[in-house]
Amino acid sequence: MAMNDTSVTLLNTGLPLLIIGGFAALLPWLLAPRETRSHGRVLVSVIVSAGLLVGLSAGVFALFDKRSLMGGPGLAEQGAVAWMYMRTSVSAVVVWGPVLVFMWLGLAQRVERLRNRDIVRGEA
């Protein structure tokens, strides 16, 4: 295959999207404190996760791409390739965005469950 082959395969598209979806499920869960009763804290962890996902997506796409940032002869070409990875990572929100929303909803339910437990125990 040629170096500039643009065919979509499981290896160059499916696997990176699966990895990015995994990060979208894992990051908010890791960043939100387990015992938080604050929806604001959960929101901050989701926003930070979204920012990290843009960078991680670009890195994952660069890792699975045949081109290399170091392979270009000039800095301008490297910048163009890096910009392409960032654009691709932002468009990957179609994949990780819904996963992140579902994780946010799950974390919000955990907050409400903990708040209700506190009310039942008389700690609220």
PDB file of N, CA and C in Angstrom:
ATOM      1  N   MET A   1       0.832  -1.189   0.000  1.00  0.00           N
ATOM      2  CA  MET A   1       0.000   0.000   0.000  1.00  0.00           C
ATOM      3  C   MET A   1       0.877   1.253   0.000  1.00  0.00           C
ATOM      4  N   ALA A   2       0.366   2.267  -0.601  1.00  0.00           N
ATOM      5  CA  ALA A   2       1.097   3.535  -0.681  1.00  0.00           C
ATOM      6  C   ALA A   2       1.064   4.252   0.659  1.00  0.00           C
ATOM      7  N   MET A   3       2.011   5.127   0.845  1.00  0.00           N
ATOM      8  CA  MET A   3       2.113   5.873   2.106  1.00  0.00           C
ATOM      9  C   MET A   3       0.916   6.786   2.328  1.00  0.00           C
ATOM     10  N   ASN A   4       0.306   7.255   1.258  1.00  0.00           N
ATOM     11  CA  ASN A   4      -0.815   8.174   1.401  1.00  0.00           C
ATOM     12  C   ASN A   4      -2.158   7.461   1.193  1.00  0.00           C
ATOM     13  N   ASP A   5      -2.190   6.157   1.432  1.00  0.00           N
ATOM     14  CA  ASP A   5      -3.421   5.381   1.298  1.00  0.00           C
ATOM     15  C   ASP A   5      -4.436   5.883   2.318  1.00  0.00           C
ATOM     16  N   THR A   6      -5.638   6.185   1.851  1.00  0.00           N
ATOM     17  CA  THR A   6      -6.657   6.745   2.738  1.00  0.00           C
ATOM     18  C   THR A   6      -7.793   5.773   3.008  1.00  0.00           C
ATOM     19  N   SER A   7      -7.551   4.475   2.792  1.00  0.00           N
ATOM     20  CA  SER A   7      -8.620   3.516   3.035  1.00  0.00           C
ATOM     21  C   SER A   7      -8.899   3.398   4.530  1.00  0.00           C
ATOM     22  N   VAL A   8     -10.156   3.142   4.855  1.00  0.00           N
ATOM     23  CA  VAL A   8     -10.582   2.989   6.238  1.00  0.00           C
ATOM     24  C   VAL A   8     -10.552   1.503   6.570  1.00  0.00           C
ATOM     25  N   THR A   9      -9.773   1.158   7.588  1.00  0.00           N
ATOM     26  CA  THR A   9      -9.666  -0.234   8.008  1.00  0.00           C
ATOM     27  C   THR A   9      -9.933  -0.333   9.497  1.00  0.00           C
ATOM     28  N   LEU A  10     -10.061  -1.552   9.963  1.00  0.00           N
ATOM     29  CA  LEU A  10     -10.251  -1.781  11.387  1.00  0.00           C
ATOM     30  C   LEU A  10      -9.046  -1.273  12.173  1.00  0.00           C
ATOM     31  N   LEU A  11      -7.861  -1.455  11.627  1.00  0.00           N
ATOM     32  CA  LEU A  11      -6.659  -1.059  12.349  1.00  0.00           C
ATOM     33  C   LEU A  11      -6.467   0.455  12.396  1.00  0.00           C
ATOM     34  N   ASN A  12      -6.717   1.159  11.287  1.00  0.00           N
ATOM     35  CA  ASN A  12      -6.423   2.598  11.293  1.00  0.00           C
ATOM     36  C   ASN A  12      -7.605   3.452  11.732  1.00  0.00           C
ATOM     37  N   THR A  13      -8.806   2.871  11.853  1.00  0.00           N
ATOM     38  CA  THR A  13      -9.969   3.657  12.265  1.00  0.00           C
ATOM     39  C   THR A  13     -10.715   3.003  13.428  1.00  0.00           C
ATOM     40  N   GLY A  14     -11.066   1.752  13.286  1.00  0.00           N
ATOM     41  CA  GLY A  14     -11.857   1.063  14.309  1.00  0.00           C
ATOM     42  C   GLY A  14     -11.159   0.945  15.646  1.00  0.00           C
ATOM     43  N   LEU A  15      -9.923   0.479  15.634  1.00  0.00           N
ATOM     44  CA  LEU A  15      -9.175   0.317  16.882  1.00  0.00           C
ATOM     45  C   LEU A  15      -8.906   1.647  17.584  1.00  0.00           C
ATOM     46  N   PRO A  16      -8.482   2.689  16.870  1.00  0.00           N
ATOM     47  CA  PRO A  16      -8.314   3.983  17.546  1.00  0.00           C
ATOM     48  C   PRO A  16      -9.616   4.498  18.160  1.00  0.00           C
ATOM     49  N   LEU A  17     -10.735   4.340  17.459  1.00  0.00           N
ATOM     50  CA  LEU A  17     -12.004   4.809  17.998  1.00  0.00           C
ATOM     51  C   LEU A  17     -12.418   4.000  19.222  1.00  0.00           C
ATOM     52  N   LEU A  18     -12.120   2.716  19.228  1.00  0.00           N
ATOM     53  CA  LEU A  18     -12.402   1.880  20.388  1.00  0.00           C
ATOM     54  C   LEU A  18     -11.558   2.316  21.588  1.00  0.00           C
ATOM     55  N   ILE A  19     -10.306   2.619  21.348  1.00  0.00           N
ATOM     56  CA  ILE A  19      -9.415   3.089  22.420  1.00  0.00           C
ATOM     57  C   ILE A  19      -9.893   4.437  22.958  1.00  0.00           C
ATOM     58  N   ILE A  20     -10.267   5.333  22.069  1.00  0.00           N
ATOM     59  CA  ILE A  20     -10.745   6.652  22.482  1.00  0.00           C
ATOM     60  C   ILE A  20     -12.044   6.518  23.281  1.00  0.00           C
ATOM     61  N   GLY A  21     -12.943   5.639  22.842  1.00  0.00           N
ATOM     62  CA  GLY A  21     -14.171   5.388  23.591  1.00  0.00           C
ATOM     63  C   GLY A  21     -13.878   4.844  24.978  1.00  0.00           C
ATOM     64  N   GLY A  22     -12.859   3.995  25.086  1.00  0.00           N
ATOM     65  CA  GLY A  22     -12.446   3.486  26.393  1.00  0.00           C
ATOM     66  C   GLY A  22     -11.933   4.589  27.298  1.00  0.00           C
ATOM     67  N   PHE A  23     -11.133   5.484  26.733  1.00  0.00           N
ATOM     68  CA  PHE A  23     -10.658   6.634  27.516  1.00  0.00           C
ATOM     69  C   PHE A  23     -11.825   7.506  27.962  1.00  0.00           C
ATOM     70  N   ALA A  24     -12.828   7.663  27.091  1.00  0.00           N
ATOM     71  CA  ALA A  24     -13.997   8.489  27.432  1.00  0.00           C
ATOM     72  C   ALA A  24     -14.771   7.879  28.596  1.00  0.00           C
ATOM     73  N   ALA A  25     -14.784   6.570  28.687  1.00  0.00           N
ATOM     74  CA  ALA A  25     -15.465   5.909  29.798  1.00  0.00           C
ATOM     75  C   ALA A  25     -14.618   5.917  31.066  1.00  0.00           C
ATOM     76  N   LEU A  26     -13.327   5.881  30.918  1.00  0.00           N
ATOM     77  CA  LEU A  26     -12.438   5.752  32.067  1.00  0.00           C
ATOM     78  C   LEU A  26     -12.082   7.079  32.738  1.00  0.00           C
ATOM     79  N   LEU A  27     -11.807   8.103  31.948  1.00  0.00           N
ATOM     80  CA  LEU A  27     -11.315   9.367  32.514  1.00  0.00           C
ATOM     81  C   LEU A  27     -12.250  10.023  33.527  1.00  0.00           C
ATOM     82  N   PRO A  28     -13.539  10.227  33.220  1.00  0.00           N
ATOM     83  CA  PRO A  28     -14.399  10.879  34.223  1.00  0.00           C
ATOM     84  C   PRO A  28     -14.524  10.047  35.492  1.00  0.00           C
ATOM     85  N   TRP A  29     -14.532   8.747  35.336  1.00  0.00           N
ATOM     86  CA  TRP A  29     -14.633   7.847  36.478  1.00  0.00           C
ATOM     87  C   TRP A  29     -13.395   7.968  37.367  1.00  0.00           C
ATOM     88  N   LEU A  30     -12.230   8.143  36.743  1.00  0.00           N
ATOM     89  CA  LEU A  30     -10.989   8.306  37.513  1.00  0.00           C
ATOM     90  C   LEU A  30     -10.860   9.698  38.131  1.00  0.00           C
ATOM     91  N   LEU A  31     -11.359  10.714  37.441  1.00  0.00           N
ATOM     92  CA  LEU A  31     -11.171  12.090  37.898  1.00  0.00           C
ATOM     93  C   LEU A  31     -12.191  12.545  38.944  1.00  0.00           C
ATOM     94  N   ALA A  32     -13.370  11.947  38.960  1.00  0.00           N
ATOM     95  CA  ALA A  32     -14.394  12.343  39.938  1.00  0.00           C
ATOM     96  C   ALA A  32     -14.133  11.610  41.252  1.00  0.00           C
ATOM     97  N   PRO A  33     -14.018  12.346  42.357  1.00  0.00           N
ATOM     98  CA  PRO A  33     -13.806  11.682  43.647  1.00  0.00           C
ATOM     99  C   PRO A  33     -14.951  10.717  43.958  1.00  0.00           C
ATOM    100  N   ARG A  34     -14.627   9.563  44.492  1.00  0.00           N
ATOM    101  CA  ARG A  34     -15.613   8.509  44.750  1.00  0.00           C
ATOM    102  C   ARG A  34     -16.755   8.962  45.668  1.00  0.00           C
ATOM    103  N   GLU A  35     -16.442   9.691  46.685  1.00  0.00           N
ATOM    104  CA  GLU A  35     -17.437  10.037  47.704  1.00  0.00           C
ATOM    105  C   GLU A  35     -17.959  11.466  47.570  1.00  0.00           C
ATOM    106  N   THR A  36     -17.806  12.069  46.395  1.00  0.00           N
ATOM    107  CA  THR A  36     -18.271  13.445  46.230  1.00  0.00           C
ATOM    108  C   THR A  36     -19.792  13.506  46.223  1.00  0.00           C
ATOM    109  N   ARG A  37     -20.306  14.551  46.832  1.00  0.00           N
ATOM    110  CA  ARG A  37     -21.741  14.814  46.814  1.00  0.00           C
ATOM    111  C   ARG A  37     -22.028  16.064  45.983  1.00  0.00           C
ATOM    112  N   SER A  38     -21.059  16.471  45.190  1.00  0.00           N
ATOM    113  CA  SER A  38     -21.143  17.724  44.454  1.00  0.00           C
ATOM    114  C   SER A  38     -21.292  17.466  42.955  1.00  0.00           C
ATOM    115  N   HIS A  39     -22.394  17.960  42.409  1.00  0.00           N
ATOM    116  CA  HIS A  39     -22.560  17.868  40.959  1.00  0.00           C
ATOM    117  C   HIS A  39     -21.568  18.793  40.250  1.00  0.00           C
ATOM    118  N   GLY A  40     -21.192  19.881  40.910  1.00  0.00           N
ATOM    119  CA  GLY A  40     -20.189  20.778  40.337  1.00  0.00           C
ATOM    120  C   GLY A  40     -18.852  20.088  40.160  1.00  0.00           C
ATOM    121  N   ARG A  41     -18.469  19.294  41.150  1.00  0.00           N
ATOM    122  CA  ARG A  41     -17.198  18.563  41.067  1.00  0.00           C
ATOM    123  C   ARG A  41     -17.251  17.530  39.942  1.00  0.00           C
ATOM    124  N   VAL A  42     -18.407  16.889  39.788  1.00  0.00           N
ATOM    125  CA  VAL A  42     -18.584  15.925  38.699  1.00  0.00           C
ATOM    126  C   VAL A  42     -18.492  16.647  37.356  1.00  0.00           C
ATOM    127  N   LEU A  43     -19.113  17.809  37.251  1.00  0.00           N
ATOM    128  CA  LEU A  43     -19.060  18.593  36.011  1.00  0.00           C
ATOM    129  C   LEU A  43     -17.621  18.977  35.672  1.00  0.00           C
ATOM    130  N   VAL A  44     -16.868  19.404  36.671  1.00  0.00           N
ATOM    131  CA  VAL A  44     -15.461  19.760  36.428  1.00  0.00           C
ATOM    132  C   VAL A  44     -14.694  18.543  35.913  1.00  0.00           C
ATOM    133  N   SER A  45     -14.925  17.383  36.495  1.00  0.00           N
ATOM    134  CA  SER A  45     -14.209  16.187  36.037  1.00  0.00           C
ATOM    135  C   SER A  45     -14.598  15.825  34.601  1.00  0.00           C
ATOM    136  N   VAL A  46     -15.847  16.065  34.225  1.00  0.00           N
ATOM    137  CA  VAL A  46     -16.283  15.783  32.852  1.00  0.00           C
ATOM    138  C   VAL A  46     -15.658  16.787  31.880  1.00  0.00           C
ATOM    139  N   ILE A  47     -15.601  18.052  32.259  1.00  0.00           N
ATOM    140  CA  ILE A  47     -14.991  19.074  31.394  1.00  0.00           C
ATOM    141  C   ILE A  47     -13.496  18.818  31.218  1.00  0.00           C
ATOM    142  N   VAL A  48     -12.818  18.484  32.308  1.00  0.00           N
ATOM    143  CA  VAL A  48     -11.386  18.157  32.219  1.00  0.00           C
ATOM    144  C   VAL A  48     -11.198  16.921  31.341  1.00  0.00           C
ATOM    145  N   SER A  49     -12.080  15.939  31.503  1.00  0.00           N
ATOM    146  CA  SER A  49     -12.005  14.737  30.668  1.00  0.00           C
ATOM    147  C   SER A  49     -12.153  15.082  29.196  1.00  0.00           C
ATOM    148  N   ALA A  50     -13.078  15.976  28.867  1.00  0.00           N
ATOM    149  CA  ALA A  50     -13.283  16.375  27.472  1.00  0.00           C
ATOM    150  C   ALA A  50     -12.021  17.024  26.901  1.00  0.00           C
ATOM    151  N   GLY A  51     -11.399  17.895  27.686  1.00  0.00           N
ATOM    152  CA  GLY A  51     -10.147  18.509  27.231  1.00  0.00           C
ATOM    153  C   GLY A  51      -9.047  17.486  27.025  1.00  0.00           C
ATOM    154  N   LEU A  52      -8.923  16.563  27.967  1.00  0.00           N
ATOM    155  CA  LEU A  52      -7.918  15.514  27.828  1.00  0.00           C
ATOM    156  C   LEU A  52      -8.210  14.610  26.634  1.00  0.00           C
ATOM    157  N   LEU A  53      -9.484  14.363  26.381  1.00  0.00           N
ATOM    158  CA  LEU A  53      -9.852  13.495  25.266  1.00  0.00           C
ATOM    159  C   LEU A  53      -9.474  14.086  23.917  1.00  0.00           C
ATOM    160  N   VAL A  54      -9.524  15.401  23.788  1.00  0.00           N
ATOM    161  CA  VAL A  54      -9.101  16.019  22.525  1.00  0.00           C
ATOM    162  C   VAL A  54      -7.611  15.720  22.294  1.00  0.00           C
ATOM    163  N   GLY A  55      -6.805  15.917  23.322  1.00  0.00           N
ATOM    164  CA  GLY A  55      -5.373  15.631  23.190  1.00  0.00           C
ATOM    165  C   GLY A  55      -5.081  14.149  23.024  1.00  0.00           C
ATOM    166  N   LEU A  56      -5.742  13.314  23.824  1.00  0.00           N
ATOM    167  CA  LEU A  56      -5.536  11.869  23.714  1.00  0.00           C
ATOM    168  C   LEU A  56      -5.974  11.344  22.353  1.00  0.00           C
ATOM    169  N   SER A  57      -7.073  11.873  21.836  1.00  0.00           N
ATOM    170  CA  SER A  57      -7.544  11.447  20.515  1.00  0.00           C
ATOM    171  C   SER A  57      -6.508  11.767  19.448  1.00  0.00           C
ATOM    172  N   ALA A  58      -5.956  12.963  19.514  1.00  0.00           N
ATOM    173  CA  ALA A  58      -4.917  13.336  18.534  1.00  0.00           C
ATOM    174  C   ALA A  58      -3.724  12.392  18.650  1.00  0.00           C
ATOM    175  N   GLY A  59      -3.337  12.076  19.876  1.00  0.00           N
ATOM    176  CA  GLY A  59      -2.213  11.154  20.083  1.00  0.00           C
ATOM    177  C   GLY A  59      -2.504   9.753  19.572  1.00  0.00           C
ATOM    178  N   VAL A  60      -3.713   9.268  19.820  1.00  0.00           N
ATOM    179  CA  VAL A  60      -4.080   7.929  19.345  1.00  0.00           C
ATOM    180  C   VAL A  60      -4.110   7.898  17.823  1.00  0.00           C
ATOM    181  N   PHE A  61      -4.698   8.920  17.209  1.00  0.00           N
ATOM    182  CA  PHE A  61      -4.721   8.945  15.742  1.00  0.00           C
ATOM    183  C   PHE A  61      -3.307   9.048  15.172  1.00  0.00           C
ATOM    184  N   ALA A  62      -2.439   9.806  15.805  1.00  0.00           N
ATOM    185  CA  ALA A  62      -1.049   9.908  15.336  1.00  0.00           C
ATOM    186  C   ALA A  62      -0.335   8.566  15.481  1.00  0.00           C
ATOM    187  N   LEU A  63      -0.619   7.871  16.565  1.00  0.00           N
ATOM    188  CA  LEU A  63       0.022   6.578  16.805  1.00  0.00           C
ATOM    189  C   LEU A  63      -0.358   5.548  15.743  1.00  0.00           C
ATOM    190  N   PHE A  64      -1.612   5.582  15.311  1.00  0.00           N
ATOM    191  CA  PHE A  64      -2.081   4.593  14.350  1.00  0.00           C
ATOM    192  C   PHE A  64      -1.961   5.039  12.902  1.00  0.00           C
ATOM    193  N   ASP A  65      -1.479   6.250  12.657  1.00  0.00           N
ATOM    194  CA  ASP A  65      -1.337   6.744  11.296  1.00  0.00           C
ATOM    195  C   ASP A  65       0.009   6.305  10.735  1.00  0.00           C
ATOM    196  N   LYS A  66       0.048   6.120   9.430  1.00  0.00           N
ATOM    197  CA  LYS A  66       1.288   5.713   8.779  1.00  0.00           C
ATOM    198  C   LYS A  66       2.281   6.852   8.669  1.00  0.00           C
ATOM    199  N   ARG A  67       1.748   8.080   8.643  1.00  0.00           N
ATOM    200  CA  ARG A  67       2.640   9.234   8.557  1.00  0.00           C
ATOM    201  C   ARG A  67       3.248   9.490   9.927  1.00  0.00           C
ATOM    202  N   SER A  68       4.297  10.225   9.956  1.00  0.00           N
ATOM    203  CA  SER A  68       4.962  10.525  11.210  1.00  0.00           C
ATOM    204  C   SER A  68       5.205  12.020  11.308  1.00  0.00           C
ATOM    205  N   LEU A  69       5.086  12.544  12.520  1.00  0.00           N
ATOM    206  CA  LEU A  69       5.417  13.960  12.719  1.00  0.00           C
ATOM    207  C   LEU A  69       6.903  14.199  12.485  1.00  0.00           C
ATOM    208  N   MET A  70       7.712  13.204  12.727  1.00  0.00           N
ATOM    209  CA  MET A  70       9.152  13.360  12.562  1.00  0.00           C
ATOM    210  C   MET A  70       9.612  13.031  11.143  1.00  0.00           C
ATOM    211  N   GLY A  71       8.728  12.472  10.331  1.00  0.00           N
ATOM    212  CA  GLY A  71       9.128  12.042   8.999  1.00  0.00           C
ATOM    213  C   GLY A  71       9.151  13.153   7.974  1.00  0.00           C
ATOM    214  N   GLY A  72       8.477  14.254   8.239  1.00  0.00           N
ATOM    215  CA  GLY A  72       8.428  15.353   7.279  1.00  0.00           C
ATOM    216  C   GLY A  72       9.744  16.099   7.241  1.00  0.00           C
ATOM    217  N   PRO A  73      10.113  16.612   6.077  1.00  0.00           N
ATOM    218  CA  PRO A  73      11.391  17.312   5.968  1.00  0.00           C
ATOM    219  C   PRO A  73      11.393  18.688   6.626  1.00  0.00           C
ATOM    220  N   GLY A  74      10.243  19.305   6.770  1.00  0.00           N
ATOM    221  CA  GLY A  74      10.251  20.659   7.309  1.00  0.00           C
ATOM    222  C   GLY A  74       9.271  20.835   8.452  1.00  0.00           C
ATOM    223  N   LEU A  75       9.524  21.875   9.235  1.00  0.00           N
ATOM    224  CA  LEU A  75       8.673  22.179  10.378  1.00  0.00           C
ATOM    225  C   LEU A  75       7.258  22.523   9.935  1.00  0.00           C
ATOM    226  N   ALA A  76       7.113  23.181   8.785  1.00  0.00           N
ATOM    227  CA  ALA A  76       5.789  23.555   8.290  1.00  0.00           C
ATOM    228  C   ALA A  76       4.958  22.307   7.996  1.00  0.00           C
ATOM    229  N   GLU A  77       5.580  21.289   7.429  1.00  0.00           N
ATOM    230  CA  GLU A  77       4.860  20.048   7.158  1.00  0.00           C
ATOM    231  C   GLU A  77       4.485  19.341   8.450  1.00  0.00           C
ATOM    232  N   GLN A  78       5.359  19.370   9.436  1.00  0.00           N
ATOM    233  CA  GLN A  78       5.052  18.754  10.726  1.00  0.00           C
ATOM    234  C   GLN A  78       3.876  19.474  11.388  1.00  0.00           C
ATOM    235  N   GLY A  79       3.856  20.792  11.285  1.00  0.00           N
ATOM    236  CA  GLY A  79       2.741  21.558  11.838  1.00  0.00           C
ATOM    237  C   GLY A  79       1.432  21.227  11.140  1.00  0.00           C
ATOM    238  N   ALA A  80       1.490  21.039   9.829  1.00  0.00           N
ATOM    239  CA  ALA A  80       0.283  20.692   9.076  1.00  0.00           C
ATOM    240  C   ALA A  80      -0.235  19.315   9.478  1.00  0.00           C
ATOM    241  N   VAL A  81       0.666  18.378   9.693  1.00  0.00           N
ATOM    242  CA  VAL A  81       0.256  17.037  10.112  1.00  0.00           C
ATOM    243  C   VAL A  81      -0.311  17.088  11.530  1.00  0.00           C
ATOM    244  N   ALA A  82       0.333  17.841  12.419  1.00  0.00           N
ATOM    245  CA  ALA A  82      -0.172  17.976  13.793  1.00  0.00           C
ATOM    246  C   ALA A  82      -1.549  18.632  13.786  1.00  0.00           C
ATOM    247  N   TRP A  83      -1.750  19.642  12.955  1.00  0.00           N
ATOM    248  CA  TRP A  83      -3.056  20.299  12.852  1.00  0.00           C
ATOM    249  C   TRP A  83      -4.109  19.319  12.333  1.00  0.00           C
ATOM    250  N   MET A  84      -3.735  18.459  11.398  1.00  0.00           N
ATOM    251  CA  MET A  84      -4.655  17.451  10.884  1.00  0.00           C
ATOM    252  C   MET A  84      -5.076  16.494  12.003  1.00  0.00           C
ATOM    253  N   TYR A  85      -4.130  16.091  12.848  1.00  0.00           N
ATOM    254  CA  TYR A  85      -4.471  15.201  13.971  1.00  0.00           C
ATOM    255  C   TYR A  85      -5.422  15.893  14.946  1.00  0.00           C
ATOM    256  N   MET A  86      -5.210  17.182  15.197  1.00  0.00           N
ATOM    257  CA  MET A  86      -6.099  17.912  16.107  1.00  0.00           C
ATOM    258  C   MET A  86      -7.505  18.034  15.518  1.00  0.00           C
ATOM    259  N   ARG A  87      -7.594  18.326  14.219  1.00  0.00           N
ATOM    260  CA  ARG A  87      -8.914  18.399  13.571  1.00  0.00           C
ATOM    261  C   ARG A  87      -9.617  17.053  13.631  1.00  0.00           C
ATOM    262  N   THR A  88      -8.879  15.988  13.391  1.00  0.00           N
ATOM    263  CA  THR A  88      -9.446  14.640  13.437  1.00  0.00           C
ATOM    264  C   THR A  88      -9.899  14.309  14.854  1.00  0.00           C
ATOM    265  N   SER A  89      -9.115  14.717  15.843  1.00  0.00           N
ATOM    266  CA  SER A  89      -9.485  14.405  17.225  1.00  0.00           C
ATOM    267  C   SER A  89     -10.729  15.166  17.652  1.00  0.00           C
ATOM    268  N   VAL A  90     -10.892  16.390  17.178  1.00  0.00           N
ATOM    269  CA  VAL A  90     -12.100  17.158  17.502  1.00  0.00           C
ATOM    270  C   VAL A  90     -13.317  16.522  16.821  1.00  0.00           C
ATOM    271  N   SER A  91     -13.148  16.032  15.600  1.00  0.00           N
ATOM    272  CA  SER A  91     -14.278  15.386  14.929  1.00  0.00           C
ATOM    273  C   SER A  91     -14.610  14.032  15.561  1.00  0.00           C
ATOM    274  N   ALA A  92     -13.691  13.469  16.323  1.00  0.00           N
ATOM    275  CA  ALA A  92     -13.959  12.198  17.010  1.00  0.00           C
ATOM    276  C   ALA A  92     -14.919  12.377  18.180  1.00  0.00           C
ATOM    277  N   VAL A  93     -15.337  13.621  18.456  1.00  0.00           N
ATOM    278  CA  VAL A  93     -16.331  13.866  19.505  1.00  0.00           C
ATOM    279  C   VAL A  93     -17.614  13.092  19.210  1.00  0.00           C
ATOM    280  N   VAL A  94     -17.830  12.762  17.952  1.00  0.00           N
ATOM    281  CA  VAL A  94     -18.994  11.962  17.576  1.00  0.00           C
ATOM    282  C   VAL A  94     -18.945  10.608  18.289  1.00  0.00           C
ATOM    283  N   VAL A  95     -17.757  10.107  18.530  1.00  0.00           N
ATOM    284  CA  VAL A  95     -17.593   8.820  19.209  1.00  0.00           C
ATOM    285  C   VAL A  95     -17.535   9.009  20.722  1.00  0.00           C
ATOM    286  N   TRP A  96     -16.644   9.872  21.190  1.00  0.00           N
ATOM    287  CA  TRP A  96     -16.459   9.948  22.638  1.00  0.00           C
ATOM    288  C   TRP A  96     -17.447  10.854  23.339  1.00  0.00           C
ATOM    289  N   GLY A  97     -18.103  11.740  22.610  1.00  0.00           N
ATOM    290  CA  GLY A  97     -19.080  12.632  23.235  1.00  0.00           C
ATOM    291  C   GLY A  97     -20.239  11.890  23.898  1.00  0.00           C
ATOM    292  N   PRO A  98     -20.925  10.994  23.177  1.00  0.00           N
ATOM    293  CA  PRO A  98     -22.013  10.257  23.818  1.00  0.00           C
ATOM    294  C   PRO A  98     -21.541   9.389  24.992  1.00  0.00           C
ATOM    295  N   VAL A  99     -20.366   8.797  24.865  1.00  0.00           N
ATOM    296  CA  VAL A  99     -19.828   7.991  25.967  1.00  0.00           C
ATOM    297  C   VAL A  99     -19.601   8.875  27.185  1.00  0.00           C
ATOM    298  N   LEU A 100     -19.050  10.056  26.959  1.00  0.00           N
ATOM    299  CA  LEU A 100     -18.800  10.990  28.059  1.00  0.00           C
ATOM    300  C   LEU A 100     -20.110  11.442  28.705  1.00  0.00           C
ATOM    301  N   VAL A 101     -21.136  11.678  27.907  1.00  0.00           N
ATOM    302  CA  VAL A 101     -22.437  12.075  28.456  1.00  0.00           C
ATOM    303  C   VAL A 101     -23.015  10.952  29.326  1.00  0.00           C
ATOM    304  N   PHE A 102     -22.924   9.717  28.858  1.00  0.00           N
ATOM    305  CA  PHE A 102     -23.432   8.596  29.663  1.00  0.00           C
ATOM    306  C   PHE A 102     -22.643   8.438  30.962  1.00  0.00           C
ATOM    307  N   MET A 103     -21.344   8.649  30.903  1.00  0.00           N
ATOM    308  CA  MET A 103     -20.541   8.583  32.133  1.00  0.00           C
ATOM    309  C   MET A 103     -20.944   9.707  33.083  1.00  0.00           C
ATOM    310  N   TRP A 104     -21.197  10.892  32.551  1.00  0.00           N
ATOM    311  CA  TRP A 104     -21.636  12.025  33.366  1.00  0.00           C
ATOM    312  C   TRP A 104     -22.949  11.685  34.069  1.00  0.00           C
ATOM    313  N   LEU A 105     -23.885  11.123  33.319  1.00  0.00           N
ATOM    314  CA  LEU A 105     -25.166  10.735  33.919  1.00  0.00           C
ATOM    315  C   LEU A 105     -24.975   9.690  35.013  1.00  0.00           C
ATOM    316  N   GLY A 106     -24.104   8.734  34.776  1.00  0.00           N
ATOM    317  CA  GLY A 106     -23.825   7.717  35.789  1.00  0.00           C
ATOM    318  C   GLY A 106     -23.210   8.314  37.043  1.00  0.00           C
ATOM    319  N   LEU A 107     -22.278   9.242  36.864  1.00  0.00           N
ATOM    320  CA  LEU A 107     -21.658   9.899  38.018  1.00  0.00           C
ATOM    321  C   LEU A 107     -22.663  10.768  38.758  1.00  0.00           C
ATOM    322  N   ALA A 108     -23.564  11.427  38.032  1.00  0.00           N
ATOM    323  CA  ALA A 108     -24.598  12.237  38.675  1.00  0.00           C
ATOM    324  C   ALA A 108     -25.547  11.351  39.485  1.00  0.00           C
ATOM    325  N   GLN A 109     -25.847  10.180  38.968  1.00  0.00           N
ATOM    326  CA  GLN A 109     -26.680   9.243  39.724  1.00  0.00           C
ATOM    327  C   GLN A 109     -25.975   8.780  40.995  1.00  0.00           C
ATOM    328  N   ARG A 110     -24.665   8.589  40.911  1.00  0.00           N
ATOM    329  CA  ARG A 110     -23.901   8.203  42.104  1.00  0.00           C
ATOM    330  C   ARG A 110     -23.958   9.305  43.153  1.00  0.00           C
ATOM    331  N   VAL A 111     -23.840  10.564  42.720  1.00  0.00           N
ATOM    332  CA  VAL A 111     -23.940  11.694  43.652  1.00  0.00           C
ATOM    333  C   VAL A 111     -25.299  11.680  44.343  1.00  0.00           C
ATOM    334  N   GLU A 112     -26.358  11.503  43.574  1.00  0.00           N
ATOM    335  CA  GLU A 112     -27.699  11.487  44.164  1.00  0.00           C
ATOM    336  C   GLU A 112     -27.888  10.296  45.092  1.00  0.00           C
ATOM    337  N   ARG A 113     -27.348   9.162  44.740  1.00  0.00           N
ATOM    338  CA  ARG A 113     -27.428   7.980  45.605  1.00  0.00           C
ATOM    339  C   ARG A 113     -26.717   8.239  46.934  1.00  0.00           C
ATOM    340  N   LEU A 114     -25.540   8.867  46.877  1.00  0.00           N
ATOM    341  CA  LEU A 114     -24.813   9.185  48.109  1.00  0.00           C
ATOM    342  C   LEU A 114     -25.548  10.221  48.945  1.00  0.00           C
ATOM    343  N   ARG A 115     -26.138  11.220  48.286  1.00  0.00           N
ATOM    344  CA  ARG A 115     -26.915  12.231  49.009  1.00  0.00           C
ATOM    345  C   ARG A 115     -28.124  11.595  49.698  1.00  0.00           C
ATOM    346  N   ASN A 116     -28.817  10.720  48.984  1.00  0.00           N
ATOM    347  CA  ASN A 116     -29.971  10.051  49.570  1.00  0.00           C
ATOM    348  C   ASN A 116     -29.557   9.150  50.735  1.00  0.00           C
ATOM    349  N   ARG A 117     -28.430   8.492  50.611  1.00  0.00           N
ATOM    350  CA  ARG A 117     -27.930   7.651  51.709  1.00  0.00           C
ATOM    351  C   ARG A 117     -27.664   8.515  52.934  1.00  0.00           C
ATOM    352  N   ASP A 118     -27.096   9.700  52.723  1.00  0.00           N
ATOM    353  CA  ASP A 118     -26.836  10.622  53.837  1.00  0.00           C
ATOM    354  C   ASP A 118     -28.129  11.056  54.488  1.00  0.00           C
ATOM    355  N   ILE A 119     -29.144  11.323  53.675  1.00  0.00           N
ATOM    356  CA  ILE A 119     -30.441  11.749  54.232  1.00  0.00           C
ATOM    357  C   ILE A 119     -31.038  10.626  55.082  1.00  0.00           C
ATOM    358  N   VAL A 120     -30.992   9.407  54.585  1.00  0.00           N
ATOM    359  CA  VAL A 120     -31.539   8.281  55.328  1.00  0.00           C
ATOM    360  C   VAL A 120     -30.796   8.084  56.639  1.00  0.00           C
ATOM    361  N   ARG A 121     -29.510   8.274  56.657  1.00  0.00           N
ATOM    362  CA  ARG A 121     -28.703   8.126  57.866  1.00  0.00           C
ATOM    363  C   ARG A 121     -28.808   9.337  58.785  1.00  0.00           C
ATOM    364  N   GLY A 122     -29.434  10.387  58.289  1.00  0.00           N
ATOM    365  CA  GLY A 122     -29.572  11.607  59.094  1.00  0.00           C
ATOM    366  C   GLY A 122     -28.318  12.465  59.128  1.00  0.00           C
ATOM    367  N   GLU A 123     -27.463  12.297  58.140  1.00  0.00           N
ATOM    368  CA  GLU A 123     -26.197  13.041  58.075  1.00  0.00           C
ATOM    369  C   GLU A 123     -26.301  14.287  57.208  1.00  0.00           C
ATOM    370  N   ALA A 124     -27.416  14.489  56.547  1.00  0.00           N
ATOM    371  CA  ALA A 124     -27.513  15.598  55.596  1.00  0.00           C
ATOM    372  C   ALA A 124     -27.772  16.920  56.269  1.00  0.00           C
TER     373      ALA A 124
END
